[in-house]
Amino acid sequence: MTRLLAIAAGLAVIAGLGITYAMTMMKGEDDQFAQCRASNVAGGAAQIGGAFTLVSETGETVTDKEVIDQPSLIYFGYTFCPDVCPLDGARNAAAVDLLEDRGAM
């Protein structure tokens, strides 16, 4: 009896996966995130550079004129990212080295 239940459960899982796959393929090429990508909040084509105003960790307003007096790299990191942060840190360090080699810093 247990073997019969295991076989039935396995067939149910396989059928469920097959139905899910079929429904996904029938859906077509609709991009469910197209509207999100078009916005400036989650994507789009933001302009790089220019004036900005931020709030420091102490709640003070900081502008670009107060903090940038030479070529700068402004990086918005993550609160927890064991996979991405080391790569981003290495990339940013390489960018600073490149700018220093070119005499830009």
N, C-alpha and C. Protein backbone atom coordinates (compact mmCIF):
# COMPACT_ATOMS: atom_id res chain seq x y z
N MET A 1 0.82 -1.20 0.00
CA MET A 1 0.00 0.00 0.00
C MET A 1 0.87 1.26 0.00
N THR A 2 1.96 1.25 0.80
CA THR A 2 2.85 2.41 0.86
C THR A 2 3.50 2.66 -0.49
N ARG A 3 3.87 1.56 -1.14
CA ARG A 3 4.50 1.70 -2.46
C ARG A 3 3.52 2.32 -3.46
N LEU A 4 2.28 1.92 -3.39
CA LEU A 4 1.25 2.45 -4.28
C LEU A 4 1.05 3.95 -4.04
N LEU A 5 1.06 4.37 -2.78
CA LEU A 5 0.93 5.80 -2.45
C LEU A 5 2.14 6.59 -2.96
N ALA A 6 3.33 6.02 -2.83
CA ALA A 6 4.53 6.70 -3.32
C ALA A 6 4.48 6.87 -4.83
N ILE A 7 4.03 5.85 -5.53
CA ILE A 7 3.92 5.95 -6.99
C ILE A 7 2.87 6.99 -7.37
N ALA A 8 1.74 6.98 -6.67
CA ALA A 8 0.68 7.95 -6.97
C ALA A 8 1.16 9.37 -6.69
N ALA A 9 1.88 9.57 -5.59
CA ALA A 9 2.40 10.90 -5.26
C ALA A 9 3.41 11.34 -6.32
N GLY A 10 4.27 10.44 -6.74
CA GLY A 10 5.25 10.77 -7.78
C GLY A 10 4.58 11.15 -9.09
N LEU A 11 3.55 10.41 -9.46
CA LEU A 11 2.82 10.73 -10.69
C LEU A 11 2.11 12.07 -10.57
N ALA A 12 1.58 12.37 -9.38
CA ALA A 12 0.91 13.65 -9.17
C ALA A 12 1.90 14.81 -9.30
N VAL A 13 3.09 14.63 -8.75
CA VAL A 13 4.12 15.68 -8.86
C VAL A 13 4.53 15.87 -10.32
N ILE A 14 4.74 14.77 -11.03
CA ILE A 14 5.13 14.85 -12.44
C ILE A 14 4.02 15.52 -13.25
N ALA A 15 2.77 15.16 -12.98
CA ALA A 15 1.65 15.78 -13.70
C ALA A 15 1.58 17.27 -13.39
N GLY A 16 1.77 17.63 -12.12
CA GLY A 16 1.75 19.05 -11.75
C GLY A 16 2.84 19.84 -12.44
N LEU A 17 4.04 19.27 -12.50
CA LEU A 17 5.14 19.94 -13.19
C LEU A 17 4.85 20.08 -14.68
N GLY A 18 4.26 19.02 -15.26
CA GLY A 18 3.91 19.08 -16.68
C GLY A 18 2.87 20.14 -16.97
N ILE A 19 1.87 20.24 -16.11
CA ILE A 19 0.83 21.26 -16.30
C ILE A 19 1.42 22.66 -16.14
N THR A 20 2.27 22.83 -15.14
CA THR A 20 2.92 24.13 -14.94
C THR A 20 3.76 24.51 -16.15
N TYR A 21 4.52 23.57 -16.67
CA TYR A 21 5.35 23.83 -17.85
C TYR A 21 4.48 24.19 -19.05
N ALA A 22 3.40 23.44 -19.25
CA ALA A 22 2.51 23.70 -20.39
C ALA A 22 1.88 25.08 -20.28
N MET A 23 1.44 25.45 -19.08
CA MET A 23 0.82 26.77 -18.91
C MET A 23 1.84 27.88 -19.14
N THR A 24 3.07 27.66 -18.72
CA THR A 24 4.12 28.66 -18.93
C THR A 24 4.41 28.83 -20.41
N MET A 25 4.46 27.73 -21.14
CA MET A 25 4.76 27.80 -22.57
C MET A 25 3.60 28.40 -23.35
N MET A 26 2.37 28.17 -22.92
CA MET A 26 1.21 28.72 -23.62
C MET A 26 1.07 30.21 -23.39
N LYS A 27 1.64 30.69 -22.33
CA LYS A 27 1.51 32.11 -22.00
C LYS A 27 2.16 32.99 -23.06
N GLY A 28 3.14 32.47 -23.75
CA GLY A 28 3.79 33.23 -24.81
C GLY A 28 4.94 34.08 -24.31
N GLU A 29 5.25 35.10 -25.06
CA GLU A 29 6.39 35.96 -24.77
C GLU A 29 6.03 37.19 -23.95
N ASP A 30 4.89 37.17 -23.29
CA ASP A 30 4.49 38.31 -22.47
C ASP A 30 5.53 38.56 -21.39
N ASP A 31 6.00 39.76 -21.32
CA ASP A 31 6.97 40.13 -20.30
C ASP A 31 6.21 40.70 -19.12
N GLN A 32 6.10 39.92 -18.07
CA GLN A 32 5.31 40.35 -16.92
C GLN A 32 5.94 41.51 -16.17
N PHE A 33 7.21 41.81 -16.45
CA PHE A 33 7.89 42.90 -15.77
C PHE A 33 8.12 44.11 -16.68
N ALA A 34 7.50 44.13 -17.85
CA ALA A 34 7.72 45.22 -18.81
C ALA A 34 7.35 46.57 -18.23
N GLN A 35 6.22 46.65 -17.55
CA GLN A 35 5.78 47.92 -16.98
C GLN A 35 6.75 48.37 -15.88
N CYS A 36 7.24 47.43 -15.11
CA CYS A 36 8.18 47.75 -14.04
C CYS A 36 9.50 48.26 -14.62
N ARG A 37 9.99 47.63 -15.68
CA ARG A 37 11.26 48.05 -16.29
C ARG A 37 11.17 49.44 -16.91
N ALA A 38 9.98 49.82 -17.33
CA ALA A 38 9.81 51.10 -18.00
C ALA A 38 9.80 52.27 -17.02
N SER A 39 9.60 51.99 -15.74
CA SER A 39 9.53 53.08 -14.77
C SER A 39 10.93 53.48 -14.31
N ASN A 40 11.04 54.66 -13.76
CA ASN A 40 12.33 55.11 -13.24
C ASN A 40 12.62 54.54 -11.86
N VAL A 41 11.62 53.94 -11.23
CA VAL A 41 11.83 53.37 -9.90
C VAL A 41 12.61 52.07 -9.99
N ALA A 42 12.22 51.19 -10.90
CA ALA A 42 12.85 49.88 -10.96
C ALA A 42 13.67 49.68 -12.22
N GLY A 43 13.88 50.69 -12.98
CA GLY A 43 14.64 50.52 -14.21
C GLY A 43 14.56 51.77 -15.03
N GLY A 44 14.49 51.59 -16.31
CA GLY A 44 14.42 52.74 -17.18
C GLY A 44 15.81 53.26 -17.48
N ALA A 45 15.88 54.48 -17.94
CA ALA A 45 17.15 55.08 -18.32
C ALA A 45 17.37 56.34 -17.50
N ALA A 46 17.84 56.17 -16.29
CA ALA A 46 18.11 57.32 -15.43
C ALA A 46 19.32 58.07 -15.95
N GLN A 47 19.34 59.35 -15.71
CA GLN A 47 20.49 60.14 -16.12
C GLN A 47 21.59 59.99 -15.09
N ILE A 48 22.81 59.89 -15.55
CA ILE A 48 23.95 59.73 -14.67
C ILE A 48 24.62 61.08 -14.52
N GLY A 49 24.95 61.42 -13.28
CA GLY A 49 25.61 62.69 -13.01
C GLY A 49 24.61 63.76 -12.64
N GLY A 50 25.15 64.91 -12.31
CA GLY A 50 24.28 66.02 -11.96
C GLY A 50 24.15 66.21 -10.46
N ALA A 51 23.41 67.22 -10.11
CA ALA A 51 23.24 67.57 -8.70
C ALA A 51 22.39 66.53 -7.98
N PHE A 52 22.66 66.37 -6.68
CA PHE A 52 21.86 65.46 -5.88
C PHE A 52 21.81 65.95 -4.44
N THR A 53 20.81 65.47 -3.73
CA THR A 53 20.65 65.74 -2.30
C THR A 53 20.36 64.41 -1.62
N LEU A 54 21.13 64.10 -0.58
CA LEU A 54 20.96 62.86 0.17
C LEU A 54 20.80 63.17 1.64
N VAL A 55 20.41 62.18 2.41
CA VAL A 55 20.32 62.32 3.86
C VAL A 55 21.34 61.39 4.48
N SER A 56 22.20 61.94 5.36
CA SER A 56 23.24 61.13 5.99
C SER A 56 22.66 60.23 7.06
N GLU A 57 23.51 59.37 7.61
CA GLU A 57 23.05 58.45 8.66
C GLU A 57 22.63 59.18 9.93
N THR A 58 23.04 60.44 10.07
CA THR A 58 22.65 61.24 11.24
C THR A 58 21.44 62.12 10.96
N GLY A 59 20.89 62.03 9.74
CA GLY A 59 19.70 62.80 9.39
C GLY A 59 19.98 64.15 8.76
N GLU A 60 21.25 64.48 8.55
CA GLU A 60 21.61 65.76 7.94
C GLU A 60 21.49 65.67 6.43
N THR A 61 21.10 66.77 5.81
CA THR A 61 21.03 66.84 4.35
C THR A 61 22.42 67.10 3.80
N VAL A 62 22.78 66.34 2.80
CA VAL A 62 24.09 66.46 2.16
C VAL A 62 23.87 66.65 0.67
N THR A 63 24.54 67.63 0.07
CA THR A 63 24.42 67.86 -1.37
C THR A 63 25.73 67.50 -2.06
N ASP A 64 25.65 67.43 -3.36
CA ASP A 64 26.85 67.12 -4.14
C ASP A 64 27.93 68.17 -3.96
N LYS A 65 27.56 69.41 -3.78
CA LYS A 65 28.55 70.49 -3.64
C LYS A 65 29.36 70.36 -2.35
N GLU A 66 28.78 69.70 -1.34
CA GLU A 66 29.46 69.55 -0.06
C GLU A 66 30.45 68.39 -0.04
N VAL A 67 30.22 67.38 -0.86
CA VAL A 67 31.05 66.18 -0.76
C VAL A 67 31.93 65.91 -1.98
N ILE A 68 31.62 66.51 -3.10
CA ILE A 68 32.41 66.20 -4.30
C ILE A 68 33.26 67.40 -4.67
N ASP A 69 34.57 67.23 -4.49
CA ASP A 69 35.50 68.29 -4.90
C ASP A 69 36.55 67.75 -5.85
N GLN A 70 36.39 66.48 -6.24
CA GLN A 70 37.27 65.83 -7.22
C GLN A 70 36.48 64.68 -7.83
N PRO A 71 36.99 64.03 -8.86
CA PRO A 71 36.26 62.89 -9.41
C PRO A 71 35.96 61.88 -8.30
N SER A 72 34.74 61.43 -8.24
CA SER A 72 34.31 60.58 -7.14
C SER A 72 33.49 59.40 -7.64
N LEU A 73 33.53 58.35 -6.87
CA LEU A 73 32.70 57.18 -7.12
C LEU A 73 31.70 57.10 -5.98
N ILE A 74 30.43 57.25 -6.30
CA ILE A 74 29.39 57.16 -5.29
C ILE A 74 28.74 55.79 -5.45
N TYR A 75 28.80 55.02 -4.40
CA TYR A 75 28.33 53.64 -4.44
C TYR A 75 27.23 53.43 -3.42
N PHE A 76 26.11 52.90 -3.87
CA PHE A 76 25.02 52.55 -2.97
C PHE A 76 25.07 51.04 -2.78
N GLY A 77 25.58 50.61 -1.65
CA GLY A 77 25.75 49.19 -1.38
C GLY A 77 24.49 48.56 -0.81
N TYR A 78 24.67 47.42 -0.24
CA TYR A 78 23.58 46.61 0.28
C TYR A 78 23.77 46.41 1.78
N THR A 79 22.71 46.08 2.49
CA THR A 79 22.83 45.84 3.92
C THR A 79 23.38 44.46 4.21
N PHE A 80 23.13 43.49 3.35
CA PHE A 80 23.66 42.14 3.53
C PHE A 80 23.79 41.52 2.16
N CYS A 81 25.00 41.20 1.77
CA CYS A 81 25.19 40.66 0.42
C CYS A 81 26.50 39.88 0.34
N PRO A 82 26.54 38.69 0.89
CA PRO A 82 27.78 37.92 0.87
C PRO A 82 28.22 37.53 -0.55
N ASP A 83 27.31 37.55 -1.51
CA ASP A 83 27.66 37.15 -2.88
C ASP A 83 28.08 38.33 -3.74
N VAL A 84 27.41 39.47 -3.59
CA VAL A 84 27.61 40.59 -4.50
C VAL A 84 28.63 41.59 -3.98
N CYS A 85 28.58 41.92 -2.71
CA CYS A 85 29.43 42.99 -2.17
C CYS A 85 30.92 42.79 -2.40
N PRO A 86 31.47 41.60 -2.20
CA PRO A 86 32.90 41.45 -2.47
C PRO A 86 33.26 41.75 -3.92
N LEU A 87 32.40 41.36 -4.84
CA LEU A 87 32.65 41.64 -6.25
C LEU A 87 32.54 43.13 -6.54
N ASP A 88 31.53 43.77 -5.97
CA ASP A 88 31.36 45.22 -6.16
C ASP A 88 32.54 45.97 -5.56
N GLY A 89 32.98 45.56 -4.38
CA GLY A 89 34.12 46.23 -3.74
C GLY A 89 35.37 46.12 -4.59
N ALA A 90 35.62 44.94 -5.14
CA ALA A 90 36.80 44.74 -5.99
C ALA A 90 36.69 45.58 -7.26
N ARG A 91 35.50 45.63 -7.85
CA ARG A 91 35.31 46.44 -9.06
C ARG A 91 35.51 47.92 -8.77
N ASN A 92 34.99 48.39 -7.64
CA ASN A 92 35.13 49.80 -7.29
C ASN A 92 36.59 50.15 -7.00
N ALA A 93 37.31 49.25 -6.34
CA ALA A 93 38.73 49.48 -6.07
C ALA A 93 39.51 49.54 -7.38
N ALA A 94 39.17 48.68 -8.33
CA ALA A 94 39.84 48.71 -9.64
C ALA A 94 39.54 50.01 -10.37
N ALA A 95 38.32 50.52 -10.24
CA ALA A 95 37.97 51.79 -10.88
C ALA A 95 38.77 52.94 -10.29
N VAL A 96 38.93 52.94 -8.97
CA VAL A 96 39.72 53.99 -8.32
C VAL A 96 41.18 53.90 -8.75
N ASP A 97 41.72 52.68 -8.81
CA ASP A 97 43.11 52.50 -9.27
C ASP A 97 43.28 53.01 -10.70
N LEU A 98 42.32 52.72 -11.55
CA LEU A 98 42.38 53.17 -12.94
C LEU A 98 42.37 54.70 -13.01
N LEU A 99 41.51 55.33 -12.24
CA LEU A 99 41.46 56.79 -12.22
C LEU A 99 42.76 57.39 -11.69
N GLU A 100 43.34 56.76 -10.67
CA GLU A 100 44.61 57.25 -10.13
C GLU A 100 45.72 57.11 -11.16
N ASP A 101 45.74 55.98 -11.88
CA ASP A 101 46.76 55.77 -12.92
C ASP A 101 46.67 56.81 -14.02
N ARG A 102 45.46 57.26 -14.31
CA ARG A 102 45.26 58.26 -15.36
C ARG A 102 45.43 59.68 -14.85
N GLY A 103 45.72 59.82 -13.56
CA GLY A 103 45.91 61.14 -12.99
C GLY A 103 44.64 61.89 -12.73
N ALA A 104 43.53 61.19 -12.71
CA ALA A 104 42.24 61.86 -12.51
C ALA A 104 41.91 62.04 -11.04
N MET A 105 42.70 61.45 -10.18
CA MET A 105 42.43 61.58 -8.73
C MET A 105 43.69 61.99 -8.01
